[in-house]
């Protein structure tokens, strides 16, 4: 049973990591789009 708990915990961590990186990518993309719009105005 112990091994199963460790395996589940590891996979939950992987899911969190993936969600965090996806969120970071989304934020970066939005910032780049925002900068591009500002550059077009100049």
PDB file of N, CA and C in Angstrom:
ATOM      1  N   UNK A   1       0.828  -1.217   0.000  1.00  0.00           N
ATOM      2  CA  UNK A   1       0.000   0.000   0.000  1.00  0.00           C
ATOM      3  C   UNK A   1       0.862   1.267   0.000  1.00  0.00           C
ATOM      4  N   UNK A   2       1.972   1.223   0.730  1.00  0.00           N
ATOM      5  CA  UNK A   2       2.857   2.397   0.819  1.00  0.00           C
ATOM      6  C   UNK A   2       3.291   2.863  -0.578  1.00  0.00           C
ATOM      7  N   UNK A   3       3.708   1.909  -1.414  1.00  0.00           N
ATOM      8  CA  UNK A   3       4.197   2.269  -2.754  1.00  0.00           C
ATOM      9  C   UNK A   3       3.119   2.981  -3.565  1.00  0.00           C
ATOM     10  N   UNK A   4       1.888   2.511  -3.429  1.00  0.00           N
ATOM     11  CA  UNK A   4       0.783   3.128  -4.171  1.00  0.00           C
ATOM     12  C   UNK A   4       0.615   4.586  -3.750  1.00  0.00           C
ATOM     13  N   UNK A   5       0.693   4.839  -2.438  1.00  0.00           N
ATOM     14  CA  UNK A   5       0.547   6.215  -1.939  1.00  0.00           C
ATOM     15  C   UNK A   5       1.651   7.110  -2.487  1.00  0.00           C
ATOM     16  N   UNK A   6       2.881   6.600  -2.502  1.00  0.00           N
ATOM     17  CA  UNK A   6       4.010   7.381  -3.025  1.00  0.00           C
ATOM     18  C   UNK A   6       3.783   7.676  -4.503  1.00  0.00           C
ATOM     19  N   UNK A   7       3.343   6.661  -5.246  1.00  0.00           N
ATOM     20  CA  UNK A   7       3.113   6.809  -6.688  1.00  0.00           C
ATOM     21  C   UNK A   7       2.044   7.872  -6.948  1.00  0.00           C
ATOM     22  N   UNK A   8       0.952   7.815  -6.184  1.00  0.00           N
ATOM     23  CA  UNK A   8      -0.139   8.789  -6.336  1.00  0.00           C
ATOM     24  C   UNK A   8       0.368  10.193  -6.010  1.00  0.00           C
ATOM     25  N   UNK A   9       1.130  10.315  -4.933  1.00  0.00           N
ATOM     26  CA  UNK A   9       1.660  11.619  -4.526  1.00  0.00           C
ATOM     27  C   UNK A   9       2.546  12.194  -5.629  1.00  0.00           C
ATOM     28  N   UNK A  10       3.408  11.364  -6.215  1.00  0.00           N
ATOM     29  CA  UNK A  10       4.294  11.823  -7.286  1.00  0.00           C
ATOM     30  C   UNK A  10       3.479  12.310  -8.477  1.00  0.00           C
ATOM     31  N   UNK A  11       2.450  11.569  -8.829  1.00  0.00           N
ATOM     32  CA  UNK A  11       1.647  11.950  -9.989  1.00  0.00           C
ATOM     33  C   UNK A  11       0.852  13.222  -9.728  1.00  0.00           C
ATOM     34  N   UNK A  12       0.403  13.427  -8.498  1.00  0.00           N
ATOM     35  CA  UNK A  12      -0.302  14.670  -8.165  1.00  0.00           C
ATOM     36  C   UNK A  12       0.660  15.850  -8.288  1.00  0.00           C
ATOM     37  N   UNK A  13       1.915  15.646  -7.853  1.00  0.00           N
ATOM     38  CA  UNK A  13       2.917  16.708  -7.975  1.00  0.00           C
ATOM     39  C   UNK A  13       3.151  17.032  -9.445  1.00  0.00           C
ATOM     40  N   UNK A  14       3.232  15.994 -10.286  1.00  0.00           N
ATOM     41  CA  UNK A  14       3.445  16.211 -11.720  1.00  0.00           C
ATOM     42  C   UNK A  14       2.307  17.025 -12.311  1.00  0.00           C
ATOM     43  N   UNK A  15       1.080  16.717 -11.903  1.00  0.00           N
ATOM     44  CA  UNK A  15      -0.084  17.456 -12.403  1.00  0.00           C
ATOM     45  C   UNK A  15       0.016  18.918 -11.996  1.00  0.00           C
ATOM     46  N   UNK A  16       0.384  19.173 -10.743  1.00  0.00           N
ATOM     47  CA  UNK A  16       0.517  20.553 -10.258  1.00  0.00           C
ATOM     48  C   UNK A  16       1.584  21.285 -11.057  1.00  0.00           C
ATOM     49  N   UNK A  17       2.728  20.619 -11.277  1.00  0.00           N
ATOM     50  CA  UNK A  17       3.823  21.230 -12.035  1.00  0.00           C
ATOM     51  C   UNK A  17       3.338  21.606 -13.433  1.00  0.00           C
ATOM     52  N   UNK A  18       2.627  20.678 -14.062  1.00  0.00           N
ATOM     53  CA  UNK A  18       2.150  20.908 -15.425  1.00  0.00           C
ATOM     54  C   UNK A  18       1.172  22.088 -15.447  1.00  0.00           C
ATOM     55  N   UNK A  19       0.269  22.129 -14.476  1.00  0.00           N
ATOM     56  CA  UNK A  19      -0.697  23.233 -14.414  1.00  0.00           C
ATOM     57  C   UNK A  19       0.025  24.556 -14.196  1.00  0.00           C
ATOM     58  N   UNK A  20       1.036  24.549 -13.314  1.00  0.00           N
ATOM     59  CA  UNK A  20       1.787  25.778 -13.042  1.00  0.00           C
ATOM     60  C   UNK A  20       2.496  26.260 -14.297  1.00  0.00           C
ATOM     61  N   UNK A  21       3.159  25.342 -15.017  1.00  0.00           N
ATOM     62  CA  UNK A  21       3.898  25.749 -16.213  1.00  0.00           C
ATOM     63  C   UNK A  21       2.939  26.233 -17.291  1.00  0.00           C
ATOM     64  N   UNK A  22       1.770  25.591 -17.415  1.00  0.00           N
ATOM     65  CA  UNK A  22       0.782  26.043 -18.402  1.00  0.00           C
ATOM     66  C   UNK A  22       0.295  27.440 -18.059  1.00  0.00           C
ATOM     67  N   UNK A  23       0.073  27.702 -16.771  1.00  0.00           N
ATOM     68  CA  UNK A  23      -0.385  29.024 -16.334  1.00  0.00           C
ATOM     69  C   UNK A  23       0.687  30.070 -16.632  1.00  0.00           C
ATOM     70  N   UNK A  24       1.955  29.720 -16.371  1.00  0.00           N
ATOM     71  CA  UNK A  24       3.052  30.654 -16.627  1.00  0.00           C
ATOM     72  C   UNK A  24       3.147  30.969 -18.113  1.00  0.00           C
ATOM     73  N   UNK A  25       3.012  29.939 -18.954  1.00  0.00           N
ATOM     74  CA  UNK A  25       3.083  30.138 -20.405  1.00  0.00           C
ATOM     75  C   UNK A  25       1.951  31.056 -20.855  1.00  0.00           C
ATOM     76  N   UNK A  26       0.752  30.835 -20.300  1.00  0.00           N
ATOM     77  CA  UNK A  26      -0.409  31.654 -20.668  1.00  0.00           C
ATOM     78  C   UNK A  26      -0.156  33.117 -20.298  1.00  0.00           C
ATOM     79  N   UNK A  27       0.387  33.344 -19.090  1.00  0.00           N
ATOM     80  CA  UNK A  27       0.668  34.711 -18.633  1.00  0.00           C
ATOM     81  C   UNK A  27       1.715  35.365 -19.532  1.00  0.00           C
ATOM     82  N   UNK A  28       2.777  34.612 -19.855  1.00  0.00           N
ATOM     83  CA  UNK A  28       3.837  35.147 -20.718  1.00  0.00           C
ATOM     84  C   UNK A  28       3.267  35.517 -22.083  1.00  0.00           C
ATOM     85  N   UNK A  29       2.409  34.636 -22.629  1.00  0.00           N
ATOM     86  CA  UNK A  29       1.820  34.879 -23.948  1.00  0.00           C
ATOM     87  C   UNK A  29       0.970  36.146 -23.916  1.00  0.00           C
ATOM     88  N   UNK A  30       0.190  36.313 -22.843  1.00  0.00           N
ATOM     89  CA  UNK A  30      -0.654  37.505 -22.722  1.00  0.00           C
ATOM     90  C   UNK A  30       0.205  38.763 -22.635  1.00  0.00           C
ATOM     91  N   UNK A  31       1.320  38.678 -21.902  1.00  0.00           N
ATOM     92  CA  UNK A  31       2.208  39.840 -21.778  1.00  0.00           C
ATOM     93  C   UNK A  31       2.819  40.190 -23.131  1.00  0.00           C
ATOM     94  N   UNK A  32       3.218  39.156 -23.888  1.00  0.00           N
ATOM     95  CA  UNK A  32       3.806  39.399 -25.208  1.00  0.00           C
ATOM     96  C   UNK A  32       2.781  40.041 -26.139  1.00  0.00           C
ATOM     97  N   UNK A  33       1.547  39.551 -26.100  1.00  0.00           N
ATOM     98  CA  UNK A  33       0.487  40.136 -26.935  1.00  0.00           C
ATOM     99  C   UNK A  33       0.261  41.594 -26.546  1.00  0.00           C
ATOM    100  N   UNK A  34       0.266  41.870 -25.248  1.00  0.00           N
ATOM    101  CA  UNK A  34       0.063  43.230 -24.747  1.00  0.00           C
ATOM    102  C   UNK A  34       1.180  44.143 -25.252  1.00  0.00           C
ATOM    103  N   UNK A  35       2.430  43.658 -25.183  1.00  0.00           N
ATOM    104  CA  UNK A  35       3.574  44.442 -25.654  1.00  0.00           C
ATOM    105  C   UNK A  35       3.466  44.688 -27.155  1.00  0.00           C
ATOM    106  N   UNK A  36       3.055  43.669 -27.902  1.00  0.00           N
ATOM    107  CA  UNK A  36       2.926  43.802 -29.352  1.00  0.00           C
ATOM    108  C   UNK A  36       1.897  44.875 -29.692  1.00  0.00           C
ATOM    109  N   UNK A  37       0.790  44.901 -28.962  1.00  0.00           N
ATOM    110  CA  UNK A  37      -0.249  45.909 -29.203  1.00  0.00           C
ATOM    111  C   UNK A  37       0.291  47.306 -28.911  1.00  0.00           C
ATOM    112  N   UNK A  38       1.070  47.441 -27.845  1.00  0.00           N
ATOM    113  CA  UNK A  38       1.642  48.747 -27.506  1.00  0.00           C
ATOM    114  C   UNK A  38       2.628  49.185 -28.587  1.00  0.00           C
ATOM    115  N   UNK A  39       3.412  48.245 -29.117  1.00  0.00           N
ATOM    116  CA  UNK A  39       4.388  48.568 -30.163  1.00  0.00           C
ATOM    117  C   UNK A  39       3.686  49.017 -31.441  1.00  0.00           C
ATOM    118  N   UNK A  40       2.523  48.439 -31.743  1.00  0.00           N
ATOM    119  CA  UNK A  40       1.779  48.823 -32.949  1.00  0.00           C
ATOM    120  C   UNK A  40       1.320  50.273 -32.867  1.00  0.00           C
ATOM    121  N   UNK A  41       1.002  50.740 -31.654  1.00  0.00           N
ATOM    122  CA  UNK A  41       0.522  52.111 -31.472  1.00  0.00           C
ATOM    123  C   UNK A  41       1.623  53.135 -31.764  1.00  0.00           C
ATOM    124  N   UNK A  42       2.862  52.769 -31.478  1.00  0.00           N
ATOM    125  CA  UNK A  42       3.975  53.723 -31.642  1.00  0.00           C
ATOM    126  C   UNK A  42       4.241  54.054 -33.109  1.00  0.00           C
TER     127      UNK A  42
END
